[in-house]
PDB file of N, CA and C in Angstrom:
ATOM      1  N   MET A   1      -5.283  -4.450 -10.204  1.00  0.00           N
ATOM      2  CA  MET A   1      -5.443  -4.181  -8.665  1.00  0.00           C
ATOM      3  C   MET A   1      -5.311  -3.180  -7.464  1.00  0.00           C
ATOM      4  N   THR A   2      -5.504  -2.418  -6.958  1.00  0.00           N
ATOM      5  CA  THR A   2      -5.239  -1.624  -5.713  1.00  0.00           C
ATOM      6  C   THR A   2      -5.426  -1.483  -4.593  1.00  0.00           C
ATOM      7  N   LEU A   3      -4.302  -1.169  -4.158  1.00  0.00           N
ATOM      8  CA  LEU A   3      -3.731  -1.508  -2.353  1.00  0.00           C
ATOM      9  C   LEU A   3      -5.103  -0.796  -1.675  1.00  0.00           C
ATOM     10  N   LYS A   4      -5.876  -0.050  -2.351  1.00  0.00           N
ATOM     11  CA  LYS A   4      -7.138   0.156  -2.030  1.00  0.00           C
ATOM     12  C   LYS A   4      -8.156  -0.733  -1.676  1.00  0.00           C
ATOM     13  N   GLU A   5      -8.319  -1.379  -2.831  1.00  0.00           N
ATOM     14  CA  GLU A   5      -9.341  -2.423  -2.599  1.00  0.00           C
ATOM     15  C   GLU A   5      -8.270  -4.158  -1.996  1.00  0.00           C
ATOM     16  N   ALA A   6      -7.178  -4.321  -1.392  1.00  0.00           N
ATOM     17  CA  ALA A   6      -6.610  -5.263  -0.663  1.00  0.00           C
ATOM     18  C   ALA A   6      -7.249  -5.695   0.698  1.00  0.00           C
ATOM     19  N   LYS A   7      -7.447  -7.222   0.417  1.00  0.00           N
ATOM     20  CA  LYS A   7      -8.467  -7.332   1.785  1.00  0.00           C
ATOM     21  C   LYS A   7      -7.504  -7.386   3.107  1.00  0.00           C
ATOM     22  N   VAL A   8      -8.116  -7.542   4.254  1.00  0.00           N
ATOM     23  CA  VAL A   8      -7.522  -7.127   5.735  1.00  0.00           C
ATOM     24  C   VAL A   8      -6.595  -8.493   5.117  1.00  0.00           C
ATOM     25  N   GLY A   9      -5.557  -9.017   6.689  1.00  0.00           N
ATOM     26  CA  GLY A   9      -5.295 -10.066   6.470  1.00  0.00           C
ATOM     27  C   GLY A   9      -4.154 -10.337   5.146  1.00  0.00           C
ATOM     28  N   SER A  10      -4.535  -9.653   4.344  1.00  0.00           N
ATOM     29  CA  SER A  10      -3.657 -10.659   2.698  1.00  0.00           C
ATOM     30  C   SER A  10      -2.465  -9.754   2.674  1.00  0.00           C
ATOM     31  N   THR A  11      -1.762 -10.584   2.154  1.00  0.00           N
ATOM     32  CA  THR A  11       0.001 -10.091   1.646  1.00  0.00           C
ATOM     33  C   THR A  11       0.042 -10.207   0.138  1.00  0.00           C
ATOM     34  N   VAL A  12      -0.019  -8.867  -0.140  1.00  0.00           N
ATOM     35  CA  VAL A  12       0.153  -8.485  -1.390  1.00  0.00           C
ATOM     36  C   VAL A  12       1.974  -7.870  -1.712  1.00  0.00           C
ATOM     37  N   VAL A  13       2.311  -8.202  -3.126  1.00  0.00           N
ATOM     38  CA  VAL A  13       3.289  -7.475  -3.598  1.00  0.00           C
ATOM     39  C   VAL A  13       2.757  -6.388  -4.802  1.00  0.00           C
ATOM     40  N   VAL A  14       4.034  -5.129  -4.365  1.00  0.00           N
ATOM     41  CA  VAL A  14       3.658  -4.321  -5.569  1.00  0.00           C
ATOM     42  C   VAL A  14       4.592  -4.107  -6.883  1.00  0.00           C
ATOM     43  N   THR A  15       3.557  -4.118  -7.680  1.00  0.00           N
ATOM     44  CA  THR A  15       3.347  -4.338  -9.032  1.00  0.00           C
ATOM     45  C   THR A  15       4.185  -2.918  -9.440  1.00  0.00           C
ATOM     46  N   ARG A  16       3.215  -1.854  -9.527  1.00  0.00           N
ATOM     47  CA  ARG A  16       3.496  -0.584 -10.007  1.00  0.00           C
ATOM     48  C   ARG A  16       2.653   0.858  -8.883  1.00  0.00           C
ATOM     49  N   ILE A  17       3.811   1.887  -9.171  1.00  0.00           N
ATOM     50  CA  ILE A  17       2.501   2.806  -8.329  1.00  0.00           C
ATOM     51  C   ILE A  17       2.853   4.065  -9.133  1.00  0.00           C
ATOM     52  N   LEU A  18       1.643   4.430  -9.596  1.00  0.00           N
ATOM     53  CA  LEU A  18       0.936   5.399 -10.640  1.00  0.00           C
ATOM     54  C   LEU A  18       1.360   6.450  -9.347  1.00  0.00           C
ATOM     55  N   GLY A  19       1.687   7.818 -10.178  1.00  0.00           N
ATOM     56  CA  GLY A  19       1.365   9.453  -9.801  1.00  0.00           C
ATOM     57  C   GLY A  19       3.090   9.505 -10.626  1.00  0.00           C
ATOM     58  N   GLU A  20       3.353  11.270 -10.384  1.00  0.00           N
ATOM     59  CA  GLU A  20       4.435  11.522 -11.155  1.00  0.00           C
ATOM     60  C   GLU A  20       5.241  12.428 -10.036  1.00  0.00           C
ATOM     61  N   GLY A  21       6.211  12.883 -10.170  1.00  0.00           N
ATOM     62  CA  GLY A  21       7.046  13.643  -9.339  1.00  0.00           C
ATOM     63  C   GLY A  21       7.094  12.868  -8.234  1.00  0.00           C
ATOM     64  N   ALA A  22       7.193  14.552  -6.808  1.00  0.00           N
ATOM     65  CA  ALA A  22       7.682  14.186  -5.426  1.00  0.00           C
ATOM     66  C   ALA A  22       6.551  13.614  -4.808  1.00  0.00           C
ATOM     67  N   TYR A  23       4.453  13.401  -5.714  1.00  0.00           N
ATOM     68  CA  TYR A  23       3.785  12.780  -5.062  1.00  0.00           C
ATOM     69  C   TYR A  23       4.439  10.478  -4.631  1.00  0.00           C
ATOM     70  N   LYS A  24       4.862  10.594  -6.371  1.00  0.00           N
ATOM     71  CA  LYS A  24       5.450   9.671  -6.464  1.00  0.00           C
ATOM     72  C   LYS A  24       6.529   9.059  -5.530  1.00  0.00           C
ATOM     73  N   ARG A  25       7.273  10.169  -5.668  1.00  0.00           N
ATOM     74  CA  ARG A  25       8.592  10.121  -4.699  1.00  0.00           C
ATOM     75  C   ARG A  25       8.392   9.595  -3.389  1.00  0.00           C
ATOM     76  N   ARG A  26       7.524  10.434  -2.744  1.00  0.00           N
ATOM     77  CA  ARG A  26       7.167  10.554  -0.848  1.00  0.00           C
ATOM     78  C   ARG A  26       6.471   8.619  -0.925  1.00  0.00           C
ATOM     79  N   ILE A  27       5.792   8.673  -1.997  1.00  0.00           N
ATOM     80  CA  ILE A  27       5.229   6.953  -1.344  1.00  0.00           C
ATOM     81  C   ILE A  27       6.453   6.143  -1.207  1.00  0.00           C
ATOM     82  N   MET A  28       7.497   6.437  -2.919  1.00  0.00           N
ATOM     83  CA  MET A  28       8.334   5.904  -3.027  1.00  0.00           C
ATOM     84  C   MET A  28       9.562   5.280  -1.505  1.00  0.00           C
ATOM     85  N   ASP A  29       9.445   6.940  -0.579  1.00  0.00           N
ATOM     86  CA  ASP A  29      10.191   7.223   0.697  1.00  0.00           C
ATOM     87  C   ASP A  29       9.722   6.582   1.277  1.00  0.00           C
ATOM     88  N   MET A  30       8.052   5.914   1.872  1.00  0.00           N
ATOM     89  CA  MET A  30       8.079   4.935   2.496  1.00  0.00           C
ATOM     90  C   MET A  30       8.442   3.786   2.952  1.00  0.00           C
ATOM     91  N   GLY A  31       8.775   2.901   1.702  1.00  0.00           N
ATOM     92  CA  GLY A  31       9.130   1.979   1.321  1.00  0.00           C
ATOM     93  C   GLY A  31       8.300   1.380   0.647  1.00  0.00           C
ATOM     94  N   ILE A  32       7.449   1.732   0.001  1.00  0.00           N
ATOM     95  CA  ILE A  32       6.836   1.423  -1.129  1.00  0.00           C
ATOM     96  C   ILE A  32       6.992   1.436  -2.636  1.00  0.00           C
ATOM     97  N   THR A  33       7.819   0.410  -2.953  1.00  0.00           N
ATOM     98  CA  THR A  33       8.952   0.682  -3.667  1.00  0.00           C
ATOM     99  C   THR A  33       7.902  -0.929  -5.116  1.00  0.00           C
ATOM    100  N   LYS A  34       8.075  -0.421  -6.079  1.00  0.00           N
ATOM    101  CA  LYS A  34       8.391  -1.995  -6.956  1.00  0.00           C
ATOM    102  C   LYS A  34       8.591  -3.547  -6.276  1.00  0.00           C
ATOM    103  N   GLY A  35       8.061  -4.674  -6.285  1.00  0.00           N
ATOM    104  CA  GLY A  35       8.099  -5.098  -6.151  1.00  0.00           C
ATOM    105  C   GLY A  35       8.419  -6.199  -4.360  1.00  0.00           C
ATOM    106  N   SER A  36       7.952  -4.794  -3.421  1.00  0.00           N
ATOM    107  CA  SER A  36       7.760  -4.678  -1.799  1.00  0.00           C
ATOM    108  C   SER A  36       6.977  -5.704  -1.746  1.00  0.00           C
ATOM    109  N   GLU A  37       6.871  -5.966  -0.579  1.00  0.00           N
ATOM    110  CA  GLU A  37       5.477  -7.150  -0.056  1.00  0.00           C
ATOM    111  C   GLU A  37       5.094  -6.435   0.953  1.00  0.00           C
ATOM    112  N   LEU A  38       3.792  -6.747   0.893  1.00  0.00           N
ATOM    113  CA  LEU A  38       3.243  -5.663   2.110  1.00  0.00           C
ATOM    114  C   LEU A  38       2.187  -6.438   2.467  1.00  0.00           C
ATOM    115  N   PHE A  39       1.915  -6.319   3.543  1.00  0.00           N
ATOM    116  CA  PHE A  39       0.713  -7.189   4.612  1.00  0.00           C
ATOM    117  C   PHE A  39      -0.086  -5.803   4.917  1.00  0.00           C
ATOM    118  N   VAL A  40      -1.270  -6.488   4.559  1.00  0.00           N
ATOM    119  CA  VAL A  40      -2.134  -5.255   4.979  1.00  0.00           C
ATOM    120  C   VAL A  40      -3.100  -5.608   6.749  1.00  0.00           C
ATOM    121  N   ARG A  41      -2.759  -4.853   7.431  1.00  0.00           N
ATOM    122  CA  ARG A  41      -3.096  -5.296   8.951  1.00  0.00           C
ATOM    123  C   ARG A  41      -4.492  -4.766   9.344  1.00  0.00           C
ATOM    124  N   LYS A  42      -5.235  -4.272   8.892  1.00  0.00           N
ATOM    125  CA  LYS A  42      -6.427  -3.634   9.413  1.00  0.00           C
ATOM    126  C   LYS A  42      -6.580  -2.281   8.665  1.00  0.00           C
ATOM    127  N   VAL A  43      -8.034  -2.246   8.308  1.00  0.00           N
ATOM    128  CA  VAL A  43      -8.377  -0.184   8.499  1.00  0.00           C
ATOM    129  C   VAL A  43      -9.242  -0.297   8.889  1.00  0.00           C
ATOM    130  N   ALA A  44      -9.404   1.529   9.150  1.00  0.00           N
ATOM    131  CA  ALA A  44      -9.890   1.914   9.830  1.00  0.00           C
ATOM    132  C   ALA A  44     -11.352   1.700   9.474  1.00  0.00           C
ATOM    133  N   PRO A  45     -12.223   1.566  10.877  1.00  0.00           N
ATOM    134  CA  PRO A  45     -14.111   1.895  10.595  1.00  0.00           C
ATOM    135  C   PRO A  45     -14.675   2.378   9.487  1.00  0.00           C
ATOM    136  N   LEU A  46     -14.071   3.786   9.114  1.00  0.00           N
ATOM    137  CA  LEU A  46     -14.404   4.299   8.280  1.00  0.00           C
ATOM    138  C   LEU A  46     -14.112   4.447   6.566  1.00  0.00           C
ATOM    139  N   GLY A  47     -13.488   3.289   6.892  1.00  0.00           N
ATOM    140  CA  GLY A  47     -12.425   3.055   5.548  1.00  0.00           C
ATOM    141  C   GLY A  47     -11.289   3.514   5.668  1.00  0.00           C
ATOM    142  N   ASP A  48     -10.601   4.975   5.912  1.00  0.00           N
ATOM    143  CA  ASP A  48      -9.981   5.583   5.726  1.00  0.00           C
ATOM    144  C   ASP A  48      -8.847   5.955   7.756  1.00  0.00           C
ATOM    145  N   PRO A  49      -8.171   5.503   7.538  1.00  0.00           N
ATOM    146  CA  PRO A  49      -6.756   4.709   6.964  1.00  0.00           C
ATOM    147  C   PRO A  49      -6.444   3.949   7.003  1.00  0.00           C
ATOM    148  N   VAL A  50      -5.435   2.782   6.004  1.00  0.00           N
ATOM    149  CA  VAL A  50      -5.468   1.672   6.503  1.00  0.00           C
ATOM    150  C   VAL A  50      -3.745   1.569   6.542  1.00  0.00           C
ATOM    151  N   GLU A  51      -3.711   0.045   7.335  1.00  0.00           N
ATOM    152  CA  GLU A  51      -2.748   0.118   8.176  1.00  0.00           C
ATOM    153  C   GLU A  51      -1.742  -0.739   7.195  1.00  0.00           C
ATOM    154  N   LEU A  52      -0.722  -1.029   7.271  1.00  0.00           N
ATOM    155  CA  LEU A  52       0.468  -1.957   6.541  1.00  0.00           C
ATOM    156  C   LEU A  52       1.434  -2.440   7.397  1.00  0.00           C
ATOM    157  N   THR A  53       2.078  -3.209   7.615  1.00  0.00           N
ATOM    158  CA  THR A  53       3.507  -4.036   7.364  1.00  0.00           C
ATOM    159  C   THR A  53       4.483  -3.671   5.812  1.00  0.00           C
ATOM    160  N   VAL A  54       5.161  -2.876   6.519  1.00  0.00           N
ATOM    161  CA  VAL A  54       6.570  -2.411   5.212  1.00  0.00           C
ATOM    162  C   VAL A  54       7.587  -2.743   5.551  1.00  0.00           C
ATOM    163  N   ARG A  55       8.832  -4.083   5.358  1.00  0.00           N
ATOM    164  CA  ARG A  55       9.461  -3.879   5.213  1.00  0.00           C
ATOM    165  C   ARG A  55       9.810  -3.785   6.754  1.00  0.00           C
ATOM    166  N   GLY A  56       9.049  -4.293   7.915  1.00  0.00           N
ATOM    167  CA  GLY A  56       9.129  -4.369   9.602  1.00  0.00           C
ATOM    168  C   GLY A  56       8.807  -3.832   9.699  1.00  0.00           C
ATOM    169  N   TYR A  57       8.128  -2.569   9.726  1.00  0.00           N
ATOM    170  CA  TYR A  57       7.656  -1.443  10.379  1.00  0.00           C
ATOM    171  C   TYR A  57       6.043  -1.115   9.981  1.00  0.00           C
ATOM    172  N   GLU A  58       5.649  -0.292  10.633  1.00  0.00           N
ATOM    173  CA  GLU A  58       4.157  -0.671  10.453  1.00  0.00           C
ATOM    174  C   GLU A  58       3.276   1.159  10.339  1.00  0.00           C
ATOM    175  N   LEU A  59       2.546   1.249   9.100  1.00  0.00           N
ATOM    176  CA  LEU A  59       2.749   2.168   8.632  1.00  0.00           C
ATOM    177  C   LEU A  59       0.964   2.470   7.830  1.00  0.00           C
ATOM    178  N   SER A  60       0.158   3.671   7.749  1.00  0.00           N
ATOM    179  CA  SER A  60      -0.938   3.790   7.631  1.00  0.00           C
ATOM    180  C   SER A  60      -0.774   4.761   6.756  1.00  0.00           C
ATOM    181  N   LEU A  61      -1.827   4.398   5.575  1.00  0.00           N
ATOM    182  CA  LEU A  61      -1.992   4.849   4.701  1.00  0.00           C
ATOM    183  C   LEU A  61      -3.237   5.056   4.209  1.00  0.00           C
ATOM    184  N   ARG A  62      -3.100   6.834   3.286  1.00  0.00           N
ATOM    185  CA  ARG A  62      -4.597   7.407   3.176  1.00  0.00           C
ATOM    186  C   ARG A  62      -5.319   6.428   2.225  1.00  0.00           C
ATOM    187  N   LYS A  63      -6.339   6.675   1.784  1.00  0.00           N
ATOM    188  CA  LYS A  63      -7.163   5.739   0.680  1.00  0.00           C
ATOM    189  C   LYS A  63      -6.782   6.694  -0.295  1.00  0.00           C
ATOM    190  N   ASN A  64      -6.347   7.624  -0.661  1.00  0.00           N
ATOM    191  CA  ASN A  64      -5.801   8.306  -2.083  1.00  0.00           C
ATOM    192  C   ASN A  64      -4.760   7.924  -2.907  1.00  0.00           C
ATOM    193  N   ASP A  65      -3.939   7.922  -1.558  1.00  0.00           N
ATOM    194  CA  ASP A  65      -2.450   6.819  -1.640  1.00  0.00           C
ATOM    195  C   ASP A  65      -2.817   5.698  -2.390  1.00  0.00           C
ATOM    196  N   ALA A  66      -3.452   5.215  -1.428  1.00  0.00           N
ATOM    197  CA  ALA A  66      -3.651   3.558  -1.661  1.00  0.00           C
ATOM    198  C   ALA A  66      -3.946   3.291  -2.838  1.00  0.00           C
ATOM    199  N   GLU A  67      -5.130   4.288  -3.661  1.00  0.00           N
ATOM    200  CA  GLU A  67      -5.362   4.297  -5.430  1.00  0.00           C
ATOM    201  C   GLU A  67      -3.899   3.856  -6.032  1.00  0.00           C
ATOM    202  N   CYS A  68      -3.210   4.660  -5.338  1.00  0.00           N
ATOM    203  CA  CYS A  68      -2.444   4.858  -6.256  1.00  0.00           C
ATOM    204  C   CYS A  68      -0.771   3.903  -6.260  1.00  0.00           C
ATOM    205  N   VAL A  69      -1.289   2.511  -5.426  1.00  0.00           N
ATOM    206  CA  VAL A  69      -0.114   1.512  -5.596  1.00  0.00           C
ATOM    207  C   VAL A  69      -0.918   0.372  -6.317  1.00  0.00           C
ATOM    208  N   GLU A  70      -0.868  -0.007  -7.409  1.00  0.00           N
ATOM    209  CA  GLU A  70      -1.255  -1.209  -8.150  1.00  0.00           C
ATOM    210  C   GLU A  70       0.019  -2.170  -7.434  1.00  0.00           C
ATOM    211  N   ILE A  71      -1.039  -3.563  -6.941  1.00  0.00           N
ATOM    212  CA  ILE A  71      -1.070  -4.356  -6.379  1.00  0.00           C
ATOM    213  C   ILE A  71      -1.145  -6.682  -7.196  1.00  0.00           C
ATOM    214  N   LYS A  72      -0.529  -7.324  -6.667  1.00  0.00           N
ATOM    215  CA  LYS A  72      -0.679  -8.408  -7.254  1.00  0.00           C
ATOM    216  C   LYS A  72      -0.726  -9.395  -5.677  1.00  0.00           C
ATOM    217  N   GLU A  73      -1.749 -10.029  -5.638  1.00  0.00           N
ATOM    218  CA  GLU A  73      -1.836 -10.677  -4.422  1.00  0.00           C
ATOM    219  C   GLU A  73      -0.908 -11.898  -3.947  1.00  0.00           C
ATOM    220  N   VAL A  74      -0.613 -12.564  -3.028  1.00  0.00           N
ATOM    221  CA  VAL A  74       0.813 -13.690  -3.069  1.00  0.00           C
ATOM    222  C   VAL A  74      -0.096 -14.217  -2.525  1.00  0.00           C
ATOM    223  N   GLY A  75       0.170 -15.988  -3.275  1.00  0.00           N
ATOM    224  CA  GLY A  75      -0.233 -17.209  -3.167  1.00  0.00           C
ATOM    225  C   GLY A  75      -1.643 -17.296  -3.842  1.00  0.00           C
TER     226      GLY A  75
END
């Protein structure tokens, strides 16, 4: 399952980040790393972007980027 498919209000854990080089590094620099816990706060009316809580701060992520983050639901 990818972050793009996560439901609003769910808490998920990152299992893998797809992509290579600078693209993958950019996502990791935002705090989205393997094993980190993300809370899906809301999704914009047209579905893009997705607002997350990551490591205590708010982050908006485009659908294209969210598609590259594999996750599993907690609980």
